[in-house]
Amino acid sequence: MILNSKETEIIYRCPHCGASVISMVGIFTLNADMIKLKCDCGHSALTLEKMRGEKIKMKVPCLTCGGEHTFVISEKSFFDKKVLDVTCPYTGIEIAFIGGSDDCLKRLDESDRELEKMMEAAGLDSFDDFHNESGMTLTDPETDNLVRYMLEEFKADGCI
């Protein structure tokens, strides 16, 4: 008897270098304690952890807000969906794709084009412009906006 292992592809973008990290995950591989899908640059990793009740906990590094988002997905959705888009809860931008290889690559290509248009509209010339000079990234966009506003106010008042 031959068993066909369920497999799914996972793609995420590294928030540090912008590269797409692509990996196949099988149901037998997922029975390990934790799986880390690391970017070649060594600065990010998506983690998967099997939970009770046929659930999978996934921690995804976020390209847009610089944080890490945790999602809990049913095994059925994880392995059986044609394509599952995982989005940043703050920006709504896709940060990962799970599903069949061809479908995931197609969604990645579409998402890349959308991201490129948004970068052009924001006046960003390259992915490196996502990082500020200090290398510090705030994990909450609302906090980032508030801090920027307060700095401008202090500057206008001559306090800095």
N, C-alpha and C. Protein backbone atom coordinates (compact mmCIF):
# COMPACT_ATOMS: atom_id res chain seq x y z
N MET A 1 0.83 -1.17 0.00
CA MET A 1 0.00 0.00 0.00
C MET A 1 0.89 1.25 0.00
N ILE A 2 0.57 2.18 -0.87
CA ILE A 2 1.32 3.42 -0.98
C ILE A 2 0.45 4.57 -0.45
N LEU A 3 1.02 5.34 0.46
CA LEU A 3 0.31 6.50 1.00
C LEU A 3 0.74 7.75 0.25
N ASN A 4 -0.24 8.53 -0.17
CA ASN A 4 0.07 9.82 -0.77
C ASN A 4 -0.02 10.88 0.32
N SER A 5 1.09 11.47 0.61
CA SER A 5 1.15 12.48 1.67
C SER A 5 0.52 13.78 1.18
N LYS A 6 -0.27 14.39 2.04
CA LYS A 6 -0.81 15.70 1.71
C LYS A 6 0.33 16.71 1.80
N GLU A 7 0.39 17.57 0.81
CA GLU A 7 1.40 18.62 0.80
C GLU A 7 0.76 19.93 0.38
N THR A 8 1.36 21.00 0.83
CA THR A 8 0.93 22.34 0.41
C THR A 8 2.15 23.23 0.31
N GLU A 9 2.04 24.25 -0.50
CA GLU A 9 3.16 25.17 -0.66
C GLU A 9 2.88 26.42 0.18
N ILE A 10 3.93 26.97 0.75
CA ILE A 10 3.84 28.21 1.52
C ILE A 10 4.84 29.20 0.92
N ILE A 11 4.35 30.42 0.70
CA ILE A 11 5.22 31.49 0.21
C ILE A 11 5.03 32.69 1.12
N TYR A 12 6.14 33.28 1.55
CA TYR A 12 6.07 34.56 2.25
C TYR A 12 7.21 35.44 1.76
N ARG A 13 7.07 36.76 1.97
CA ARG A 13 8.13 37.69 1.60
C ARG A 13 8.91 38.09 2.84
N CYS A 14 10.20 38.05 2.73
CA CYS A 14 11.07 38.44 3.84
C CYS A 14 10.96 39.95 4.05
N PRO A 15 10.65 40.39 5.27
CA PRO A 15 10.57 41.83 5.51
C PRO A 15 11.93 42.53 5.49
N HIS A 16 13.01 41.78 5.57
CA HIS A 16 14.33 42.39 5.57
C HIS A 16 14.86 42.60 4.15
N CYS A 17 14.83 41.55 3.33
CA CYS A 17 15.43 41.66 1.99
C CYS A 17 14.40 41.69 0.87
N GLY A 18 13.14 41.34 1.16
CA GLY A 18 12.09 41.37 0.15
C GLY A 18 11.98 40.12 -0.70
N ALA A 19 12.87 39.16 -0.49
CA ALA A 19 12.86 37.94 -1.29
C ALA A 19 11.64 37.08 -0.94
N SER A 20 11.18 36.33 -1.93
CA SER A 20 10.09 35.38 -1.69
C SER A 20 10.69 34.08 -1.19
N VAL A 21 10.16 33.59 -0.08
CA VAL A 21 10.61 32.32 0.49
C VAL A 21 9.53 31.29 0.17
N ILE A 22 9.92 30.25 -0.55
CA ILE A 22 8.96 29.24 -1.03
C ILE A 22 9.35 27.89 -0.47
N SER A 23 8.36 27.18 0.11
CA SER A 23 8.65 25.87 0.68
C SER A 23 7.42 24.98 0.62
N MET A 24 7.66 23.69 0.44
CA MET A 24 6.59 22.69 0.50
C MET A 24 6.55 22.13 1.91
N VAL A 25 5.33 21.95 2.42
CA VAL A 25 5.15 21.37 3.75
C VAL A 25 4.19 20.21 3.62
N GLY A 26 4.61 19.05 4.13
CA GLY A 26 3.78 17.86 4.11
C GLY A 26 3.15 17.60 5.47
N ILE A 27 2.08 16.86 5.46
CA ILE A 27 1.37 16.58 6.71
C ILE A 27 2.24 15.80 7.70
N PHE A 28 3.12 14.94 7.19
CA PHE A 28 3.99 14.18 8.09
C PHE A 28 5.09 15.07 8.66
N THR A 29 5.59 16.00 7.87
CA THR A 29 6.60 16.95 8.33
C THR A 29 6.02 17.82 9.44
N LEU A 30 4.75 18.16 9.30
CA LEU A 30 4.10 19.05 10.26
C LEU A 30 3.91 18.41 11.62
N ASN A 31 4.04 17.10 11.73
CA ASN A 31 3.90 16.44 13.02
C ASN A 31 5.08 16.67 13.95
N ALA A 32 6.12 17.30 13.45
CA ALA A 32 7.26 17.67 14.30
C ALA A 32 6.81 18.79 15.24
N ASP A 33 7.62 19.10 16.25
CA ASP A 33 7.27 20.14 17.20
C ASP A 33 7.00 21.48 16.53
N MET A 34 7.97 21.94 15.73
CA MET A 34 7.85 23.23 15.07
C MET A 34 8.67 23.21 13.80
N ILE A 35 8.15 23.86 12.79
CA ILE A 35 8.88 23.99 11.53
C ILE A 35 9.18 25.46 11.33
N LYS A 36 10.42 25.77 10.95
CA LYS A 36 10.80 27.13 10.61
C LYS A 36 11.20 27.18 9.15
N LEU A 37 10.55 28.07 8.41
CA LEU A 37 10.89 28.29 7.01
C LEU A 37 11.68 29.60 6.97
N LYS A 38 13.00 29.48 6.84
CA LYS A 38 13.88 30.64 6.96
C LYS A 38 14.24 31.22 5.60
N CYS A 39 14.39 32.54 5.58
CA CYS A 39 14.88 33.22 4.39
C CYS A 39 16.38 32.99 4.30
N ASP A 40 16.90 32.96 3.09
CA ASP A 40 18.34 32.76 2.89
C ASP A 40 19.18 33.89 3.50
N CYS A 41 18.58 35.08 3.66
CA CYS A 41 19.34 36.19 4.24
C CYS A 41 19.54 36.00 5.74
N GLY A 42 18.76 35.10 6.37
CA GLY A 42 18.91 34.81 7.78
C GLY A 42 18.21 35.77 8.73
N HIS A 43 17.43 36.71 8.21
CA HIS A 43 16.79 37.71 9.06
C HIS A 43 15.32 37.46 9.34
N SER A 44 14.72 36.44 8.73
CA SER A 44 13.31 36.17 9.01
C SER A 44 13.01 34.68 8.87
N ALA A 45 11.92 34.28 9.51
CA ALA A 45 11.46 32.89 9.41
C ALA A 45 9.96 32.84 9.68
N LEU A 46 9.26 32.05 8.91
CA LEU A 46 7.86 31.74 9.16
C LEU A 46 7.86 30.45 9.96
N THR A 47 7.08 30.41 11.05
CA THR A 47 7.04 29.19 11.86
C THR A 47 5.66 28.56 11.81
N LEU A 48 5.66 27.24 11.83
CA LEU A 48 4.44 26.44 11.85
C LEU A 48 4.49 25.51 13.05
N GLU A 49 3.35 25.39 13.71
CA GLU A 49 3.28 24.52 14.88
C GLU A 49 1.92 23.82 14.87
N LYS A 50 1.95 22.50 14.94
CA LYS A 50 0.71 21.73 14.99
C LYS A 50 0.12 21.83 16.39
N MET A 51 -1.18 22.10 16.44
CA MET A 51 -1.87 22.24 17.71
C MET A 51 -2.92 21.13 17.84
N ARG A 52 -3.53 21.04 18.99
CA ARG A 52 -4.62 20.08 19.19
C ARG A 52 -5.82 20.48 18.34
N GLY A 53 -6.67 19.51 18.09
CA GLY A 53 -7.91 19.80 17.37
C GLY A 53 -7.71 20.06 15.89
N GLU A 54 -6.69 19.48 15.30
CA GLU A 54 -6.40 19.63 13.88
C GLU A 54 -6.27 21.09 13.46
N LYS A 55 -5.52 21.84 14.26
CA LYS A 55 -5.25 23.25 13.97
C LYS A 55 -3.76 23.45 13.79
N ILE A 56 -3.42 24.48 13.03
CA ILE A 56 -2.02 24.82 12.80
C ILE A 56 -1.83 26.29 13.17
N LYS A 57 -0.84 26.54 14.03
CA LYS A 57 -0.50 27.92 14.39
C LYS A 57 0.65 28.35 13.51
N MET A 58 0.47 29.50 12.89
CA MET A 58 1.46 30.01 11.96
C MET A 58 1.84 31.43 12.36
N LYS A 59 3.15 31.69 12.48
CA LYS A 59 3.66 33.03 12.76
C LYS A 59 4.37 33.51 11.50
N VAL A 60 3.87 34.63 10.96
CA VAL A 60 4.37 35.13 9.69
C VAL A 60 5.02 36.50 9.89
N PRO A 61 6.30 36.65 9.48
CA PRO A 61 6.91 37.98 9.51
C PRO A 61 6.23 38.86 8.47
N CYS A 62 5.99 40.13 8.81
CA CYS A 62 5.21 41.00 7.93
C CYS A 62 6.09 41.97 7.16
N LEU A 63 5.93 41.94 5.86
CA LEU A 63 6.66 42.82 4.96
C LEU A 63 6.27 44.28 5.16
N THR A 64 5.00 44.55 5.44
CA THR A 64 4.54 45.94 5.43
C THR A 64 4.65 46.65 6.77
N CYS A 65 4.33 45.99 7.87
CA CYS A 65 4.38 46.70 9.16
C CYS A 65 5.60 46.32 9.98
N GLY A 66 6.35 45.33 9.55
CA GLY A 66 7.58 44.96 10.23
C GLY A 66 7.39 44.07 11.44
N GLY A 67 6.15 43.77 11.78
CA GLY A 67 5.89 42.91 12.93
C GLY A 67 5.79 41.45 12.53
N GLU A 68 5.24 40.68 13.43
CA GLU A 68 5.00 39.26 13.17
C GLU A 68 3.54 39.00 13.55
N HIS A 69 2.82 38.33 12.67
CA HIS A 69 1.40 38.07 12.91
C HIS A 69 1.18 36.58 13.13
N THR A 70 0.31 36.26 14.07
CA THR A 70 0.00 34.87 14.39
C THR A 70 -1.39 34.54 13.87
N PHE A 71 -1.50 33.42 13.19
CA PHE A 71 -2.76 32.94 12.65
C PHE A 71 -2.95 31.49 13.08
N VAL A 72 -4.20 31.09 13.31
CA VAL A 72 -4.52 29.70 13.58
C VAL A 72 -5.45 29.25 12.45
N ILE A 73 -5.03 28.17 11.78
CA ILE A 73 -5.72 27.70 10.58
C ILE A 73 -6.05 26.23 10.76
N SER A 74 -7.20 25.83 10.28
CA SER A 74 -7.55 24.41 10.34
C SER A 74 -6.67 23.64 9.35
N GLU A 75 -6.37 22.39 9.68
CA GLU A 75 -5.58 21.56 8.78
C GLU A 75 -6.27 21.43 7.42
N LYS A 76 -7.58 21.33 7.45
CA LYS A 76 -8.34 21.20 6.20
C LYS A 76 -8.09 22.40 5.29
N SER A 77 -8.19 23.61 5.83
CA SER A 77 -7.92 24.81 5.03
C SER A 77 -6.46 24.86 4.60
N PHE A 78 -5.58 24.48 5.49
CA PHE A 78 -4.15 24.53 5.22
C PHE A 78 -3.77 23.62 4.05
N PHE A 79 -4.33 22.41 4.02
CA PHE A 79 -3.93 21.44 2.99
C PHE A 79 -4.88 21.35 1.81
N ASP A 80 -6.14 21.76 1.96
CA ASP A 80 -7.11 21.51 0.89
C ASP A 80 -7.51 22.74 0.08
N LYS A 81 -7.22 23.94 0.56
CA LYS A 81 -7.60 25.14 -0.20
C LYS A 81 -6.74 25.27 -1.45
N LYS A 82 -7.36 25.76 -2.51
CA LYS A 82 -6.63 26.01 -3.74
C LYS A 82 -5.55 27.06 -3.49
N VAL A 83 -5.95 28.18 -2.87
CA VAL A 83 -5.02 29.21 -2.42
C VAL A 83 -5.64 29.93 -1.24
N LEU A 84 -4.85 30.10 -0.19
CA LEU A 84 -5.27 30.83 0.99
C LEU A 84 -4.35 32.05 1.11
N ASP A 85 -4.94 33.25 0.98
CA ASP A 85 -4.17 34.49 1.13
C ASP A 85 -4.12 34.85 2.60
N VAL A 86 -2.93 35.12 3.11
CA VAL A 86 -2.74 35.55 4.49
C VAL A 86 -2.36 37.03 4.43
N THR A 87 -3.15 37.88 5.11
CA THR A 87 -2.93 39.32 5.01
C THR A 87 -2.54 39.95 6.34
N CYS A 88 -1.83 41.06 6.25
CA CYS A 88 -1.48 41.86 7.43
C CYS A 88 -2.77 42.46 7.97
N PRO A 89 -3.07 42.28 9.26
CA PRO A 89 -4.31 42.84 9.82
C PRO A 89 -4.33 44.37 9.85
N TYR A 90 -3.18 45.01 9.76
CA TYR A 90 -3.12 46.47 9.79
C TYR A 90 -3.27 47.08 8.40
N THR A 91 -2.64 46.47 7.40
CA THR A 91 -2.62 47.07 6.06
C THR A 91 -3.51 46.36 5.05
N GLY A 92 -3.87 45.11 5.32
CA GLY A 92 -4.67 44.34 4.37
C GLY A 92 -3.88 43.81 3.19
N ILE A 93 -2.57 43.98 3.21
CA ILE A 93 -1.72 43.51 2.11
C ILE A 93 -1.34 42.06 2.36
N GLU A 94 -1.36 41.26 1.29
CA GLU A 94 -1.00 39.84 1.41
C GLU A 94 0.46 39.70 1.83
N ILE A 95 0.67 38.85 2.84
CA ILE A 95 2.05 38.63 3.32
C ILE A 95 2.47 37.17 3.15
N ALA A 96 1.51 36.30 2.83
CA ALA A 96 1.83 34.89 2.61
C ALA A 96 0.72 34.24 1.80
N PHE A 97 1.08 33.14 1.15
CA PHE A 97 0.13 32.36 0.36
C PHE A 97 0.33 30.89 0.69
N ILE A 98 -0.78 30.17 0.81
CA ILE A 98 -0.74 28.74 1.12
C ILE A 98 -1.64 28.03 0.13
N GLY A 99 -1.15 26.93 -0.45
CA GLY A 99 -1.99 26.16 -1.37
C GLY A 99 -1.19 25.44 -2.42
N GLY A 100 -1.83 25.23 -3.56
CA GLY A 100 -1.17 24.57 -4.68
C GLY A 100 -0.08 25.45 -5.27
N SER A 101 0.97 24.83 -5.75
CA SER A 101 2.15 25.55 -6.22
C SER A 101 1.82 26.57 -7.30
N ASP A 102 1.15 26.15 -8.37
CA ASP A 102 0.84 27.06 -9.47
C ASP A 102 -0.05 28.21 -9.01
N ASP A 103 -1.05 27.90 -8.20
CA ASP A 103 -1.97 28.93 -7.72
C ASP A 103 -1.26 29.93 -6.82
N CYS A 104 -0.39 29.45 -5.95
CA CYS A 104 0.37 30.34 -5.05
C CYS A 104 1.30 31.25 -5.84
N LEU A 105 1.98 30.69 -6.83
CA LEU A 105 2.90 31.49 -7.64
C LEU A 105 2.14 32.55 -8.45
N LYS A 106 0.96 32.20 -8.92
CA LYS A 106 0.12 33.16 -9.65
C LYS A 106 -0.29 34.31 -8.73
N ARG A 107 -0.74 33.98 -7.50
CA ARG A 107 -1.14 35.01 -6.54
C ARG A 107 0.06 35.87 -6.13
N LEU A 108 1.24 35.25 -5.99
CA LEU A 108 2.44 36.00 -5.65
C LEU A 108 2.75 37.01 -6.75
N ASP A 109 2.64 36.60 -7.99
CA ASP A 109 2.91 37.49 -9.12
C ASP A 109 1.92 38.66 -9.13
N GLU A 110 0.64 38.36 -8.91
CA GLU A 110 -0.39 39.42 -8.86
C GLU A 110 -0.10 40.38 -7.70
N SER A 111 0.24 39.83 -6.56
CA SER A 111 0.53 40.63 -5.38
C SER A 111 1.77 41.49 -5.59
N ASP A 112 2.79 40.95 -6.25
CA ASP A 112 4.00 41.72 -6.55
C ASP A 112 3.66 42.94 -7.40
N ARG A 113 2.78 42.76 -8.40
CA ARG A 113 2.39 43.88 -9.25
C ARG A 113 1.61 44.93 -8.46
N GLU A 114 0.72 44.49 -7.57
CA GLU A 114 -0.03 45.42 -6.72
C GLU A 114 0.91 46.19 -5.79
N LEU A 115 1.85 45.48 -5.20
CA LEU A 115 2.82 46.09 -4.28
C LEU A 115 3.68 47.11 -5.02
N GLU A 116 4.08 46.77 -6.23
CA GLU A 116 4.89 47.68 -7.04
C GLU A 116 4.13 48.97 -7.34
N LYS A 117 2.85 48.86 -7.67
CA LYS A 117 2.02 50.04 -7.93
C LYS A 117 1.90 50.91 -6.67
N MET A 118 1.70 50.27 -5.52
CA MET A 118 1.59 51.02 -4.27
C MET A 118 2.90 51.72 -3.93
N MET A 119 4.03 51.05 -4.18
CA MET A 119 5.33 51.65 -3.91
C MET A 119 5.55 52.87 -4.81
N GLU A 120 5.17 52.75 -6.08
CA GLU A 120 5.31 53.88 -7.01
C GLU A 120 4.44 55.05 -6.55
N ALA A 121 3.20 54.75 -6.15
CA ALA A 121 2.28 55.80 -5.69
C ALA A 121 2.80 56.48 -4.43
N ALA A 122 3.52 55.74 -3.60
CA ALA A 122 4.07 56.30 -2.36
C ALA A 122 5.43 56.96 -2.57
N GLY A 123 5.95 56.90 -3.79
CA GLY A 123 7.24 57.52 -4.08
C GLY A 123 8.43 56.70 -3.64
N LEU A 124 8.24 55.40 -3.44
CA LEU A 124 9.35 54.52 -3.05
C LEU A 124 9.98 53.95 -4.31
N ASP A 125 11.28 54.09 -4.44
CA ASP A 125 11.98 53.61 -5.63
C ASP A 125 12.35 52.14 -5.56
N SER A 126 12.59 51.65 -4.35
CA SER A 126 13.00 50.26 -4.21
C SER A 126 12.52 49.70 -2.88
N PHE A 127 12.68 48.41 -2.71
CA PHE A 127 12.27 47.77 -1.47
C PHE A 127 13.06 48.31 -0.28
N ASP A 128 14.30 48.73 -0.52
CA ASP A 128 15.14 49.25 0.56
C ASP A 128 14.52 50.48 1.22
N ASP A 129 13.64 51.19 0.50
CA ASP A 129 13.01 52.38 1.06
C ASP A 129 12.00 52.05 2.15
N PHE A 130 11.62 50.76 2.28
CA PHE A 130 10.75 50.36 3.38
C PHE A 130 11.46 50.53 4.72
N HIS A 131 12.78 50.43 4.71
CA HIS A 131 13.57 50.54 5.94
C HIS A 131 14.01 51.99 6.10
N ASN A 132 13.89 52.52 7.31
CA ASN A 132 14.38 53.88 7.53
C ASN A 132 15.86 53.84 7.84
N GLU A 133 16.46 55.01 7.96
CA GLU A 133 17.91 55.10 8.13
C GLU A 133 18.41 54.37 9.37
N SER A 134 17.65 54.39 10.45
CA SER A 134 18.13 53.79 11.70
C SER A 134 17.97 52.29 11.72
N GLY A 135 17.18 51.76 10.78
CA GLY A 135 16.93 50.32 10.78
C GLY A 135 15.83 49.93 11.74
N MET A 136 15.28 50.89 12.49
CA MET A 136 14.23 50.59 13.45
C MET A 136 12.88 50.53 12.75
N THR A 137 12.08 49.55 13.08
CA THR A 137 10.75 49.42 12.51
C THR A 137 9.76 49.36 13.65
N LEU A 138 8.74 50.19 13.58
CA LEU A 138 7.68 50.12 14.57
C LEU A 138 6.68 49.07 14.12
N THR A 139 6.16 48.28 15.04
CA THR A 139 5.30 47.18 14.66
C THR A 139 3.85 47.58 14.48
N ASP A 140 3.45 48.74 14.95
CA ASP A 140 2.07 49.16 14.83
C ASP A 140 2.00 50.43 13.99
N PRO A 141 1.36 50.39 12.82
CA PRO A 141 1.30 51.57 11.95
C PRO A 141 0.65 52.78 12.62
N GLU A 142 -0.35 52.55 13.48
CA GLU A 142 -1.00 53.67 14.17
C GLU A 142 -0.01 54.36 15.12
N THR A 143 0.79 53.58 15.81
CA THR A 143 1.80 54.14 16.70
C THR A 143 2.83 54.92 15.88
N ASP A 144 3.24 54.36 14.77
CA ASP A 144 4.20 55.02 13.89
C ASP A 144 3.66 56.37 13.45
N ASN A 145 2.39 56.43 13.01
CA ASN A 145 1.78 57.69 12.58
C ASN A 145 1.71 58.70 13.72
N LEU A 146 1.35 58.24 14.91
CA LEU A 146 1.26 59.11 16.07
C LEU A 146 2.63 59.69 16.43
N VAL A 147 3.66 58.85 16.43
CA VAL A 147 5.01 59.30 16.75
C VAL A 147 5.48 60.34 15.72
N ARG A 148 5.23 60.07 14.45
CA ARG A 148 5.63 61.02 13.40
C ARG A 148 4.89 62.36 13.57
N TYR A 149 3.61 62.31 13.89
CA TYR A 149 2.82 63.52 14.10
C TYR A 149 3.37 64.32 15.27
N MET A 150 3.64 63.65 16.38
CA MET A 150 4.15 64.33 17.56
C MET A 150 5.52 64.95 17.29
N LEU A 151 6.37 64.26 16.56
CA LEU A 151 7.69 64.81 16.22
C LEU A 151 7.55 66.08 15.38
N GLU A 152 6.62 66.07 14.43
CA GLU A 152 6.39 67.26 13.61
C GLU A 152 5.87 68.41 14.46
N GLU A 153 4.98 68.10 15.41
CA GLU A 153 4.45 69.13 16.31
C GLU A 153 5.57 69.73 17.17
N PHE A 154 6.41 68.87 17.75
CA PHE A 154 7.53 69.35 18.55
C PHE A 154 8.49 70.20 17.71
N LYS A 155 8.72 69.77 16.50
CA LYS A 155 9.61 70.49 15.58
C LYS A 155 9.01 71.86 15.27
N ALA A 156 7.70 71.91 14.98
CA ALA A 156 7.02 73.17 14.67
C ALA A 156 7.04 74.12 15.88
N ASP A 157 6.97 73.58 17.08
CA ASP A 157 6.99 74.40 18.30
C ASP A 157 8.41 74.77 18.73
N GLY A 158 9.41 74.30 17.98
CA GLY A 158 10.79 74.61 18.30
C GLY A 158 11.36 73.83 19.47
N CYS A 159 10.69 72.76 19.84
CA CYS A 159 11.17 71.94 20.97
C CYS A 159 12.29 70.99 20.57
N ILE A 160 12.41 70.72 19.31
CA ILE A 160 13.50 69.85 18.85
C ILE A 160 14.12 70.43 17.59
